[in-house]
Every structure is written in C-alpha cells, then in structure tokens.
C-alpha cells in the first residue's frame, strides 16, 4: 500500500516549527497499523522544555515526549486521516 499524501494547514506552517511537524508525522508513522483516524498532539512547555502528549481514542493510545527546546511551543495539533490523505492542522482550524 503506497504512503498516503500528507498536507498541512497554513496555521501549522506559520506556527509549528518544521522539526516539530516532522516529529509528529514520525510519531503517527511509527504507530501500530490499527490506529484512530484522529491523532491529537498537545504541545506544552515547562522549565524550558518541550512536552508533547500524543493521544487517540480508538484504540486508546497515550505517549508523552519531553525534550530541551530554545523556543517551546504551546498548541494543540490534530492529524486527521481521510481516504488517501492525511492532514495536520491546529485545533482551532478544525
């Protein structure tokens, strides 16, 4: 099965650094094959560190990542899979 076409919204392009975009795509790609159409990433900052919490509902999934960052981002990002494509968007763009 060929990989699905990936898209981003203007909000993601303007507000989420490329390295975080690539990290989140990688998280979804590394998941087991059975995954929810909606992946949720909550980006927070704490003491100069970037915290990314990745969740989905069915099947239930939870993973948290923590790493150093000069400019941690606060945002909620959705990755939605529909048919032959996958879209990354900010929660407020939904």
Protein backbone atom coordinates (compact mmCIF):
# COMPACT_ATOMS: atom_id res chain seq x y z
CA UNK A 1 0.00 0.00 0.00
CA UNK A 2 1.57 3.33 -1.05
CA UNK A 3 2.05 6.01 1.62
CA UNK A 4 -0.77 8.50 1.95
CA UNK A 5 -0.33 12.09 0.77
CA UNK A 6 0.38 14.43 3.71
CA UNK A 7 -0.88 18.01 3.96
CA UNK A 8 -0.58 20.88 6.44
CA UNK A 9 -2.75 23.90 7.00
CA UNK A 10 -1.47 27.47 6.88
CA UNK A 11 -1.80 27.65 10.67
CA UNK A 12 0.60 24.75 11.15
CA UNK A 13 3.03 26.19 8.59
CA UNK A 14 3.00 29.57 10.37
CA UNK A 15 3.08 28.42 14.00
CA UNK A 16 4.71 24.99 14.30
CA UNK A 17 8.46 24.68 13.55
CA UNK A 18 9.40 22.17 10.86
CA UNK A 19 11.27 19.91 13.31
CA UNK A 20 8.09 19.54 15.42
CA UNK A 21 5.99 18.88 12.31
CA UNK A 22 8.39 16.12 11.26
CA UNK A 23 8.44 14.71 14.79
CA UNK A 24 4.64 14.44 14.91
CA UNK A 25 4.46 12.85 11.43
CA UNK A 26 7.07 10.35 12.63
CA UNK A 27 5.03 9.55 15.74
CA UNK A 28 1.99 8.68 13.63
CA UNK A 29 4.05 6.69 11.11
CA UNK A 30 5.62 4.64 13.94
CA UNK A 31 2.26 3.67 15.48
CA UNK A 32 0.85 0.15 15.13
CA UNK A 33 -1.21 -0.28 11.96
CA UNK A 34 -4.57 -0.20 13.74
CA UNK A 35 -4.99 3.50 14.58
CA UNK A 36 -7.73 6.06 15.00
CA UNK A 37 -8.44 8.50 12.16
CA UNK A 38 -7.81 11.35 14.65
CA UNK A 39 -4.45 11.77 16.40
CA UNK A 40 -4.16 14.56 18.99
CA UNK A 41 -0.90 16.26 19.95
CA UNK A 42 -0.83 18.67 22.88
CA UNK A 43 2.31 20.81 22.88
CA UNK A 44 3.22 22.41 26.22
CA UNK A 45 6.27 23.97 27.80
CA UNK A 46 7.72 23.53 31.25
CA UNK A 47 11.06 24.83 32.54
CA UNK A 48 12.43 25.45 29.04
CA UNK A 49 11.44 22.00 27.84
CA UNK A 50 9.01 21.00 25.12
CA UNK A 51 6.41 18.46 26.21
CA UNK A 52 4.39 16.67 23.54
CA UNK A 53 1.49 14.45 24.56
CA UNK A 54 0.17 12.19 21.77
CA UNK A 55 -3.26 10.61 22.26
CA UNK A 56 -6.06 8.93 20.34
CA UNK A 57 -9.34 7.34 21.39
CA UNK A 58 -9.88 4.08 19.47
CA UNK A 59 -7.80 2.15 20.09
CA UNK A 60 -6.79 4.13 23.16
CA UNK A 61 -3.25 5.47 22.82
CA UNK A 62 -1.11 7.69 25.06
CA UNK A 63 2.53 8.63 24.79
CA UNK A 64 4.42 11.60 26.20
CA UNK A 65 7.69 13.06 24.93
CA UNK A 66 9.95 15.58 26.70
CA UNK A 67 12.98 17.31 25.24
CA UNK A 68 15.00 20.51 25.52
CA UNK A 69 13.94 23.41 23.34
CA UNK A 70 15.07 27.01 22.99
CA UNK A 71 11.55 28.06 21.94
CA UNK A 72 8.93 25.62 23.23
CA UNK A 73 5.55 25.88 21.53
CA UNK A 74 2.11 25.82 23.14
CA UNK A 75 -0.52 24.44 20.77
CA UNK A 76 -2.95 21.62 20.11
CA UNK A 77 -2.47 19.86 16.80
CA UNK A 78 -4.69 17.30 15.09
CA UNK A 79 -3.61 14.83 12.45
CA UNK A 80 -6.68 13.56 10.61
CA UNK A 81 -6.59 10.64 8.19
CA UNK A 82 -9.23 10.59 5.46
CA UNK A 83 -9.12 8.27 2.48
CA UNK A 84 -5.87 8.71 0.57
CA UNK A 85 -4.56 11.70 2.50
CA UNK A 86 -3.60 12.88 5.99
CA UNK A 87 -3.88 16.49 7.19
CA UNK A 88 -2.08 18.22 10.07
CA UNK A 89 -3.98 21.20 11.45
CA UNK A 90 -4.21 23.36 14.55
CA UNK A 91 -7.18 22.52 16.78
CA UNK A 92 -8.65 25.98 16.22
CA UNK A 93 -8.66 25.36 12.44
CA UNK A 94 -10.91 22.30 12.79
